[in-house]
């Protein structure tokens, strides 16, 4: 039986596990992230990645056009996870 590796998302001091390559959107939402447009336009899901930026897909075109600091991402634009990450989210 094939089993994916599990990755940890630590979100505002809460932790959840998801398999490799799974979209973390549902996990972010379960842990309290709010979403609005889902297209990388509104910034509702802006988060600070404090550890593991290399474990998320590269920034999308939408994120490159959005005013983000180097350590920030939009949760709706994170499509793949290959390793543990830690994020801080305050909401808007």
C-alpha atoms as a PDB file:
ATOM      1  CA  UNK A   1       0.000   0.000   0.000  1.00  0.00           C
ATOM      2  CA  UNK A   2       1.329   3.449  -0.976  1.00  0.00           C
ATOM      3  CA  UNK A   3       1.244   6.119   1.702  1.00  0.00           C
ATOM      4  CA  UNK A   4       2.067   9.786   1.227  1.00  0.00           C
ATOM      5  CA  UNK A   5       4.425  11.502   3.608  1.00  0.00           C
ATOM      6  CA  UNK A   6       2.676  13.706   6.129  1.00  0.00           C
ATOM      7  CA  UNK A   7       3.555  17.367   6.522  1.00  0.00           C
ATOM      8  CA  UNK A   8       2.840  19.583   9.512  1.00  0.00           C
ATOM      9  CA  UNK A   9       1.229  22.988   9.239  1.00  0.00           C
ATOM     10  CA  UNK A  10       1.679  25.041  12.377  1.00  0.00           C
ATOM     11  CA  UNK A  11      -0.817  27.878  12.186  1.00  0.00           C
ATOM     12  CA  UNK A  12      -0.992  30.416  15.029  1.00  0.00           C
ATOM     13  CA  UNK A  13       0.301  27.734  17.440  1.00  0.00           C
ATOM     14  CA  UNK A  14      -2.162  25.041  16.225  1.00  0.00           C
ATOM     15  CA  UNK A  15      -0.813  22.063  14.288  1.00  0.00           C
ATOM     16  CA  UNK A  16      -2.398  19.858  11.622  1.00  0.00           C
ATOM     17  CA  UNK A  17      -0.996  17.246   9.257  1.00  0.00           C
ATOM     18  CA  UNK A  18      -1.622  16.863   5.525  1.00  0.00           C
ATOM     19  CA  UNK A  19      -0.090  14.542   2.864  1.00  0.00           C
ATOM     20  CA  UNK A  20       2.599  15.603   0.382  1.00  0.00           C
ATOM     21  CA  UNK A  21       1.324  17.623  -2.568  1.00  0.00           C
ATOM     22  CA  UNK A  22      -2.089  18.207  -0.994  1.00  0.00           C
ATOM     23  CA  UNK A  23      -3.492  21.706  -1.357  1.00  0.00           C
ATOM     24  CA  UNK A  24      -3.270  23.248   2.140  1.00  0.00           C
ATOM     25  CA  UNK A  25      -6.358  25.443   1.559  1.00  0.00           C
ATOM     26  CA  UNK A  26      -8.768  23.231   3.533  1.00  0.00           C
ATOM     27  CA  UNK A  27      -6.334  22.911   6.425  1.00  0.00           C
ATOM     28  CA  UNK A  28      -5.762  26.677   6.554  1.00  0.00           C
ATOM     29  CA  UNK A  29      -9.527  27.177   6.632  1.00  0.00           C
ATOM     30  CA  UNK A  30     -10.041  24.589   9.397  1.00  0.00           C
ATOM     31  CA  UNK A  31      -7.380  26.327  11.481  1.00  0.00           C
ATOM     32  CA  UNK A  32      -9.108  29.702  11.174  1.00  0.00           C
ATOM     33  CA  UNK A  33      -7.917  31.414   7.990  1.00  0.00           C
ATOM     34  CA  UNK A  34     -10.561  33.470   6.238  1.00  0.00           C
ATOM     35  CA  UNK A  35     -10.918  33.489   2.457  1.00  0.00           C
ATOM     36  CA  UNK A  36     -12.863  35.827   0.227  1.00  0.00           C
ATOM     37  CA  UNK A  37     -11.945  36.011  -3.468  1.00  0.00           C
ATOM     38  CA  UNK A  38      -9.831  32.809  -3.842  1.00  0.00           C
ATOM     39  CA  UNK A  39      -7.980  34.496  -6.732  1.00  0.00           C
ATOM     40  CA  UNK A  40      -5.079  36.272  -5.040  1.00  0.00           C
ATOM     41  CA  UNK A  41      -6.674  39.696  -5.382  1.00  0.00           C
ATOM     42  CA  UNK A  42      -8.230  40.728  -2.051  1.00  0.00           C
ATOM     43  CA  UNK A  43      -5.493  39.776   0.441  1.00  0.00           C
ATOM     44  CA  UNK A  44      -7.885  38.369   3.050  1.00  0.00           C
ATOM     45  CA  UNK A  45      -5.696  35.256   3.368  1.00  0.00           C
ATOM     46  CA  UNK A  46      -2.341  37.072   3.612  1.00  0.00           C
ATOM     47  CA  UNK A  47      -0.083  35.215   6.014  1.00  0.00           C
ATOM     48  CA  UNK A  48       3.487  35.383   7.242  1.00  0.00           C
ATOM     49  CA  UNK A  49       5.537  32.223   6.706  1.00  0.00           C
ATOM     50  CA  UNK A  50       7.925  31.974   9.653  1.00  0.00           C
ATOM     51  CA  UNK A  51       9.403  28.607   8.690  1.00  0.00           C
ATOM     52  CA  UNK A  52       9.392  26.377   5.612  1.00  0.00           C
ATOM     53  CA  UNK A  53       8.832  28.826   2.727  1.00  0.00           C
ATOM     54  CA  UNK A  54      10.854  26.414   0.563  1.00  0.00           C
ATOM     55  CA  UNK A  55       8.209  23.728   1.197  1.00  0.00           C
ATOM     56  CA  UNK A  56       5.423  25.655  -0.588  1.00  0.00           C
ATOM     57  CA  UNK A  57       5.054  26.153  -4.336  1.00  0.00           C
ATOM     58  CA  UNK A  58       6.733  29.279  -5.721  1.00  0.00           C
ATOM     59  CA  UNK A  59       4.859  32.559  -5.564  1.00  0.00           C
ATOM     60  CA  UNK A  60       2.246  32.851  -8.274  1.00  0.00           C
ATOM     61  CA  UNK A  61       1.872  35.700 -10.752  1.00  0.00           C
ATOM     62  CA  UNK A  62      -0.994  37.038  -8.610  1.00  0.00           C
ATOM     63  CA  UNK A  63       1.236  37.085  -5.529  1.00  0.00           C
ATOM     64  CA  UNK A  64       4.056  38.786  -7.416  1.00  0.00           C
ATOM     65  CA  UNK A  65       1.610  41.567  -8.322  1.00  0.00           C
ATOM     66  CA  UNK A  66       0.286  41.835  -4.745  1.00  0.00           C
ATOM     67  CA  UNK A  67       2.232  43.976  -2.226  1.00  0.00           C
ATOM     68  CA  UNK A  68       3.779  41.181  -0.138  1.00  0.00           C
ATOM     69  CA  UNK A  69       6.977  41.124   1.904  1.00  0.00           C
ATOM     70  CA  UNK A  70       9.456  38.324   1.154  1.00  0.00           C
ATOM     71  CA  UNK A  71       8.136  36.263   4.082  1.00  0.00           C
ATOM     72  CA  UNK A  72       4.447  36.688   3.163  1.00  0.00           C
ATOM     73  CA  UNK A  73       2.149  34.569   1.020  1.00  0.00           C
ATOM     74  CA  UNK A  74      -1.533  34.420   0.125  1.00  0.00           C
ATOM     75  CA  UNK A  75      -3.040  31.210   1.507  1.00  0.00           C
ATOM     76  CA  UNK A  76      -5.299  30.814  -1.536  1.00  0.00           C
ATOM     77  CA  UNK A  77      -2.247  30.700  -3.813  1.00  0.00           C
ATOM     78  CA  UNK A  78      -0.451  27.890  -1.947  1.00  0.00           C
ATOM     79  CA  UNK A  79      -1.155  24.802  -4.024  1.00  0.00           C
ATOM     80  CA  UNK A  80       1.442  22.257  -2.950  1.00  0.00           C
ATOM     81  CA  UNK A  81       3.119  21.353   0.275  1.00  0.00           C
ATOM     82  CA  UNK A  82       6.273  19.243   0.485  1.00  0.00           C
ATOM     83  CA  UNK A  83       7.477  19.633   4.045  1.00  0.00           C
ATOM     84  CA  UNK A  84       6.547  21.351   7.263  1.00  0.00           C
ATOM     85  CA  UNK A  85       5.586  25.020   7.456  1.00  0.00           C
ATOM     86  CA  UNK A  86       4.819  27.494  10.202  1.00  0.00           C
ATOM     87  CA  UNK A  87       2.607  30.481   9.522  1.00  0.00           C
ATOM     88  CA  UNK A  88       1.158  33.442  11.388  1.00  0.00           C
ATOM     89  CA  UNK A  89      -2.200  34.822  10.353  1.00  0.00           C
ATOM     90  CA  UNK A  90      -3.980  37.810  11.828  1.00  0.00           C
ATOM     91  CA  UNK A  91      -6.817  38.255   9.366  1.00  0.00           C
ATOM     92  CA  UNK A  92      -8.022  41.599   8.046  1.00  0.00           C
END
